[in-house]
Structures are given as C-alpha cells and as structure tokens.
N, C-alpha and C. Protein backbone atom coordinates (compact mmCIF):
# COMPACT_ATOMS: atom_id res chain seq x y z
N MET A 1 44.74 -19.60 9.99
CA MET A 1 43.27 -20.52 10.27
C MET A 1 43.47 -21.78 9.38
N SER A 2 43.18 -22.73 9.88
CA SER A 2 43.24 -23.90 9.16
C SER A 2 41.87 -24.07 8.09
N SER A 3 41.82 -24.64 7.20
CA SER A 3 40.76 -25.09 6.35
C SER A 3 39.62 -25.50 6.98
N GLY A 4 39.98 -26.40 7.95
CA GLY A 4 38.63 -27.06 8.52
C GLY A 4 37.99 -26.10 9.37
N ILE A 5 38.38 -25.01 10.20
CA ILE A 5 38.06 -24.29 10.87
C ILE A 5 37.35 -23.05 9.76
N MET A 6 37.73 -22.69 8.74
CA MET A 6 37.07 -21.89 7.81
C MET A 6 35.94 -22.54 7.31
N HIS A 7 36.09 -23.78 7.14
CA HIS A 7 34.80 -24.53 6.59
C HIS A 7 33.68 -24.70 7.53
N GLN A 8 33.86 -24.73 8.60
CA GLN A 8 33.04 -24.45 9.77
C GLN A 8 32.36 -23.36 9.85
N ILE A 9 33.18 -22.22 9.81
CA ILE A 9 32.63 -21.13 10.06
C ILE A 9 31.65 -20.82 8.87
N VAL A 10 32.11 -21.17 7.77
CA VAL A 10 31.08 -20.73 6.32
C VAL A 10 29.91 -21.77 6.76
N GLU A 11 30.26 -22.74 7.17
CA GLU A 11 29.06 -23.65 7.28
C GLU A 11 27.73 -23.08 8.55
N LEU A 12 28.27 -22.41 9.63
CA LEU A 12 27.73 -21.76 10.48
C LEU A 12 26.93 -20.83 10.07
N LEU A 13 27.62 -19.83 9.15
CA LEU A 13 27.08 -18.76 8.52
C LEU A 13 26.07 -18.76 7.87
N GLU A 14 26.14 -19.88 6.75
CA GLU A 14 25.30 -20.26 5.91
C GLU A 14 24.06 -20.73 6.55
N ALA A 15 24.20 -21.66 7.61
CA ALA A 15 23.02 -22.18 8.65
C ALA A 15 22.18 -21.16 9.06
N GLU A 16 22.96 -19.81 9.61
CA GLU A 16 22.02 -18.96 10.00
C GLU A 16 21.45 -18.08 9.24
N VAL A 17 22.09 -17.90 7.61
CA VAL A 17 21.20 -17.08 6.92
C VAL A 17 20.15 -17.83 6.41
N GLN A 18 19.97 -19.38 6.33
CA GLN A 18 18.86 -20.12 5.66
C GLN A 18 17.92 -20.12 6.98
N THR A 19 17.99 -19.90 8.16
CA THR A 19 17.18 -20.01 9.41
C THR A 19 16.47 -18.62 9.57
N ARG A 20 17.01 -17.41 8.93
CA ARG A 20 16.48 -16.12 8.98
C ARG A 20 15.47 -15.94 7.89
N PRO A 21 14.37 -15.45 8.20
CA PRO A 21 13.42 -14.99 7.14
C PRO A 21 14.24 -13.96 6.24
N SER A 22 13.93 -14.09 4.92
CA SER A 22 14.48 -13.30 4.07
C SER A 22 13.71 -11.84 4.12
N PRO A 23 14.30 -10.67 3.69
CA PRO A 23 13.41 -9.36 3.42
C PRO A 23 12.06 -9.80 2.54
N ILE A 24 12.26 -10.53 1.75
CA ILE A 24 10.96 -11.06 0.75
C ILE A 24 9.89 -11.63 1.72
N GLU A 25 10.19 -12.45 2.57
CA GLU A 25 9.49 -13.22 3.34
C GLU A 25 8.81 -12.04 4.36
N PHE A 26 9.60 -11.34 4.83
CA PHE A 26 8.93 -10.12 5.59
C PHE A 26 7.66 -9.39 5.17
N GLU A 27 8.05 -8.96 3.76
CA GLU A 27 7.07 -8.38 2.85
C GLU A 27 6.12 -9.32 2.66
N MET A 28 5.87 -10.63 2.33
CA MET A 28 4.96 -11.28 1.92
C MET A 28 4.22 -11.69 3.32
N ALA A 29 4.91 -11.66 4.53
CA ALA A 29 4.07 -11.82 5.59
C ALA A 29 3.35 -10.53 6.03
N TYR A 30 3.94 -9.40 5.71
CA TYR A 30 3.07 -7.90 5.69
C TYR A 30 1.65 -7.84 4.95
N GLN A 31 2.02 -8.32 3.68
CA GLN A 31 0.82 -8.57 2.73
C GLN A 31 -0.32 -9.50 3.12
N ALA A 32 0.09 -10.41 3.51
CA ALA A 32 -0.51 -11.80 4.20
C ALA A 32 -1.60 -11.01 5.34
N ARG A 33 -0.88 -10.27 6.32
CA ARG A 33 -1.42 -9.68 7.49
C ARG A 33 -2.62 -8.57 6.93
N VAL A 34 -2.37 -7.67 5.86
CA VAL A 34 -3.19 -6.78 5.07
C VAL A 34 -4.26 -7.76 4.55
N ALA A 35 -4.22 -8.71 3.84
CA ALA A 35 -5.25 -9.58 3.29
C ALA A 35 -5.74 -10.09 4.57
N ILE A 36 -5.42 -10.77 5.33
CA ILE A 36 -6.36 -11.07 6.69
C ILE A 36 -7.16 -10.18 6.94
N ASP A 37 -6.62 -9.00 7.37
CA ASP A 37 -7.42 -7.95 7.76
C ASP A 37 -8.66 -7.67 7.05
N ARG A 38 -8.63 -7.80 5.47
CA ARG A 38 -9.48 -7.22 4.31
C ARG A 38 -10.61 -8.33 4.59
N ILE A 39 -9.96 -9.35 4.66
CA ILE A 39 -10.86 -10.83 4.38
C ILE A 39 -12.03 -10.75 5.69
N LYS A 40 -11.32 -10.50 6.93
CA LYS A 40 -12.47 -10.52 8.09
C LYS A 40 -13.29 -9.40 8.03
N PHE A 41 -12.99 -8.19 7.40
CA PHE A 41 -13.73 -7.00 7.11
C PHE A 41 -14.77 -7.36 5.99
N ALA A 42 -14.48 -8.21 5.23
CA ALA A 42 -15.55 -8.48 4.05
C ALA A 42 -16.52 -9.54 4.79
N ILE A 43 -15.82 -10.53 5.49
CA ILE A 43 -16.80 -11.38 6.27
C ILE A 43 -17.88 -10.97 6.82
N LYS A 44 -17.28 -9.79 7.86
CA LYS A 44 -18.17 -9.18 8.78
C LYS A 44 -19.25 -8.45 8.07
N HIS A 45 -18.87 -7.62 7.04
CA HIS A 45 -19.87 -6.85 6.31
C HIS A 45 -20.68 -7.83 5.65
N THR A 46 -20.38 -8.94 4.95
CA THR A 46 -21.32 -9.89 4.26
C THR A 46 -22.29 -10.37 5.26
N GLU A 47 -21.88 -10.93 6.23
CA GLU A 47 -22.73 -11.43 7.21
C GLU A 47 -23.70 -10.71 7.80
N GLN A 48 -23.22 -9.23 8.11
CA GLN A 48 -24.15 -7.90 8.53
C GLN A 48 -25.26 -7.46 7.40
N PHE A 49 -24.79 -7.18 6.13
CA PHE A 49 -25.57 -6.50 5.14
C PHE A 49 -26.29 -7.40 3.94
N ALA A 50 -25.47 -8.59 3.71
CA ALA A 50 -26.14 -9.43 2.67
C ALA A 50 -27.22 -10.05 3.10
N ARG A 51 -28.23 -10.27 2.05
CA ARG A 51 -29.29 -11.38 2.47
C ARG A 51 -28.94 -12.70 2.32
N PRO A 52 -29.46 -13.66 3.32
CA PRO A 52 -28.92 -14.95 3.12
C PRO A 52 -29.39 -15.92 2.08
N CYS A 53 -28.72 -16.14 1.44
CA CYS A 53 -28.86 -17.24 0.40
C CYS A 53 -27.82 -18.30 0.02
N ASP A 54 -28.09 -19.07 -0.77
CA ASP A 54 -27.11 -20.23 -0.98
C ASP A 54 -25.53 -19.46 -1.76
N THR A 55 -25.77 -18.73 -2.44
CA THR A 55 -24.61 -17.71 -3.02
C THR A 55 -23.67 -17.16 -1.97
N MET A 56 -24.41 -16.46 -1.09
CA MET A 56 -23.70 -15.70 -0.17
C MET A 56 -23.05 -16.52 0.99
N ARG A 57 -23.65 -17.77 1.11
CA ARG A 57 -23.22 -18.77 2.02
C ARG A 57 -21.93 -19.29 1.53
N GLU A 58 -21.88 -19.57 -0.04
CA GLU A 58 -20.66 -20.02 -0.83
C GLU A 58 -19.47 -19.00 -0.51
N VAL A 59 -20.04 -17.66 -0.58
CA VAL A 59 -19.08 -16.56 -0.67
C VAL A 59 -18.37 -16.68 0.65
N GLY A 60 -19.20 -16.70 1.86
CA GLY A 60 -18.71 -16.81 3.00
C GLY A 60 -17.81 -17.95 3.13
N MET A 61 -17.96 -19.06 2.84
CA MET A 61 -17.33 -20.23 2.74
C MET A 61 -15.90 -19.90 2.33
N GLN A 62 -15.83 -19.64 0.94
CA GLN A 62 -14.72 -19.19 0.37
C GLN A 62 -13.63 -18.22 0.87
N LEU A 63 -14.36 -17.18 1.44
CA LEU A 63 -13.78 -16.33 2.57
C LEU A 63 -13.05 -16.86 3.47
N LEU A 64 -13.92 -17.75 4.46
CA LEU A 64 -13.36 -18.50 5.36
C LEU A 64 -12.11 -19.35 5.38
N ASP A 65 -12.15 -19.84 4.09
CA ASP A 65 -11.02 -20.58 3.35
C ASP A 65 -9.76 -20.06 3.10
N ALA A 66 -9.90 -19.03 2.41
CA ALA A 66 -8.89 -17.92 2.19
C ALA A 66 -8.37 -17.62 3.22
N LEU A 67 -9.21 -17.24 4.65
CA LEU A 67 -8.64 -16.74 5.87
C LEU A 67 -7.98 -17.60 6.60
N GLU A 68 -8.27 -18.67 6.71
CA GLU A 68 -7.78 -19.94 7.27
C GLU A 68 -6.37 -20.42 6.67
N ARG A 69 -6.23 -20.09 5.22
CA ARG A 69 -4.88 -20.54 4.69
C ARG A 69 -3.90 -19.48 5.20
N LEU A 70 -4.36 -18.06 4.74
CA LEU A 70 -3.47 -17.32 5.18
C LEU A 70 -3.01 -16.97 6.75
N GLU A 71 -3.99 -17.48 7.60
CA GLU A 71 -3.57 -17.52 9.00
C GLU A 71 -2.71 -18.52 9.28
N SER A 72 -2.86 -19.55 8.65
CA SER A 72 -1.66 -20.76 8.49
C SER A 72 -0.36 -20.38 8.18
N LEU A 73 -0.19 -19.54 7.15
CA LEU A 73 0.97 -19.39 6.72
C LEU A 73 1.32 -18.08 7.60
N ASP A 74 0.66 -17.32 7.99
CA ASP A 74 1.36 -16.32 9.07
C ASP A 74 1.75 -16.80 10.30
N ARG A 75 1.05 -18.11 10.93
CA ARG A 75 1.60 -18.67 11.99
C ARG A 75 3.13 -19.49 11.65
N ARG A 76 3.25 -20.06 10.65
CA ARG A 76 4.27 -20.53 10.42
C ARG A 76 5.46 -19.56 10.09
N PHE A 77 5.17 -18.16 9.57
CA PHE A 77 6.21 -17.18 9.46
C PHE A 77 6.64 -16.69 11.02
N GLN A 78 5.40 -16.58 11.71
CA GLN A 78 6.24 -16.16 13.26
C GLN A 78 6.75 -17.20 13.92
N ALA A 79 6.38 -18.52 13.80
CA ALA A 79 7.20 -19.48 14.28
C ALA A 79 8.70 -19.66 13.73
N ARG A 80 8.87 -19.38 12.73
CA ARG A 80 10.26 -19.20 11.97
C ARG A 80 11.00 -18.14 12.46
N SER A 81 10.21 -16.97 12.49
CA SER A 81 10.78 -15.92 12.96
C SER A 81 11.37 -15.91 14.52
N ARG A 82 10.58 -16.39 15.13
CA ARG A 82 10.64 -16.41 16.40
C ARG A 82 11.96 -17.66 16.40
N LEU A 83 11.98 -18.75 15.88
CA LEU A 83 13.25 -19.52 15.99
C LEU A 83 14.44 -18.94 15.68
N SER A 84 14.42 -17.89 14.41
CA SER A 84 15.56 -17.40 14.22
C SER A 84 16.13 -16.31 14.93
N ASN A 85 15.25 -15.73 16.11
CA ASN A 85 15.44 -14.73 16.99
C ASN A 85 16.10 -15.59 18.11
N ARG A 86 15.69 -16.69 18.52
CA ARG A 86 16.28 -17.53 19.58
C ARG A 86 17.79 -18.05 19.08
N HIS A 87 17.89 -18.33 17.85
CA HIS A 87 19.42 -18.55 17.49
C HIS A 87 20.28 -17.42 17.39
N ARG A 88 19.48 -16.18 16.99
CA ARG A 88 20.37 -15.31 17.06
C ARG A 88 21.12 -14.63 18.39
N ASN A 89 19.92 -15.13 19.42
CA ASN A 89 20.05 -14.44 20.70
C ASN A 89 20.91 -15.67 21.59
N GLY A 90 21.27 -16.84 20.88
CA GLY A 90 22.36 -17.63 21.42
C GLY A 90 21.52 -18.57 22.30
N ASN A 91 20.18 -18.92 22.13
CA ASN A 91 19.40 -19.81 22.76
C ASN A 91 18.72 -20.89 21.56
N ASN A 92 18.85 -22.16 22.10
CA ASN A 92 18.25 -23.09 21.23
C ASN A 92 16.50 -23.18 21.82
N ARG A 93 16.03 -23.83 20.85
CA ARG A 93 14.80 -24.26 20.70
C ARG A 93 13.95 -24.31 22.37
N SER A 94 14.48 -24.63 23.07
CA SER A 94 13.99 -25.03 24.64
C SER A 94 14.34 -23.76 25.18
N GLY A 95 15.06 -22.74 24.90
CA GLY A 95 15.52 -21.56 25.67
C GLY A 95 16.70 -21.78 26.36
N ALA A 96 17.24 -22.78 26.41
CA ALA A 96 18.52 -23.09 27.08
C ALA A 96 19.59 -22.51 26.10
N PRO A 97 20.74 -22.01 26.94
CA PRO A 97 21.81 -21.36 25.94
C PRO A 97 22.47 -22.71 25.07
N ALA A 98 22.48 -22.08 23.91
CA ALA A 98 23.38 -23.28 22.80
C ALA A 98 24.61 -23.22 23.12
N THR A 99 24.80 -24.72 22.96
CA THR A 99 26.58 -25.07 23.28
C THR A 99 27.24 -25.15 22.15
C-alpha cells in the first residue's frame, strides 16, 4: 500500500473519531438531561407552592435561564449525535449516499 493511500485512510479515521461524540460527552448529555428534569420539577413546584414575591420571581427567572442553557446544550449534542450516525451509515447530511 502506498504512503498516500495510508495517509488518506488515517485522515478518514481521524475525521470519523472527531465527528463521533466521545463517551464523556454521552455522560455529560445524560447528566444534562437529569438536570433538565430536576429544574422542570423545581419550576413547577415553585410556581405551585411558593408565595408570589420578587424573590420567587427572580428564582423562577434563574431556573428558566438554567433550563434554556441546558436544553440548548442538549439540542447541540443531539444534532451532533445524529450527524455522526448519518456519517456512520454512509449518508451525508442531506440523507443522500456519501460519495
């Protein structure tokens, strides 16, 4: 095998490894989903049982901000994970077979 072909193979393998989420990213995504569920629970119960006041409104705003940040992170992970699966299945982003 020529060194040019070997170099191309190594580049393809490195590109595949870089597009696929790592095990730590899967763990972080799982932990983010747990945190999302807990924040939703806290928001629900805060709205249901807490007395309305400026402090509680601020607490609610902080919880909503944290929730939005985690959901944005989760969406990016999901998109990256789907993109990785498409490449692994031999399809590009449009769903057409890769060339």
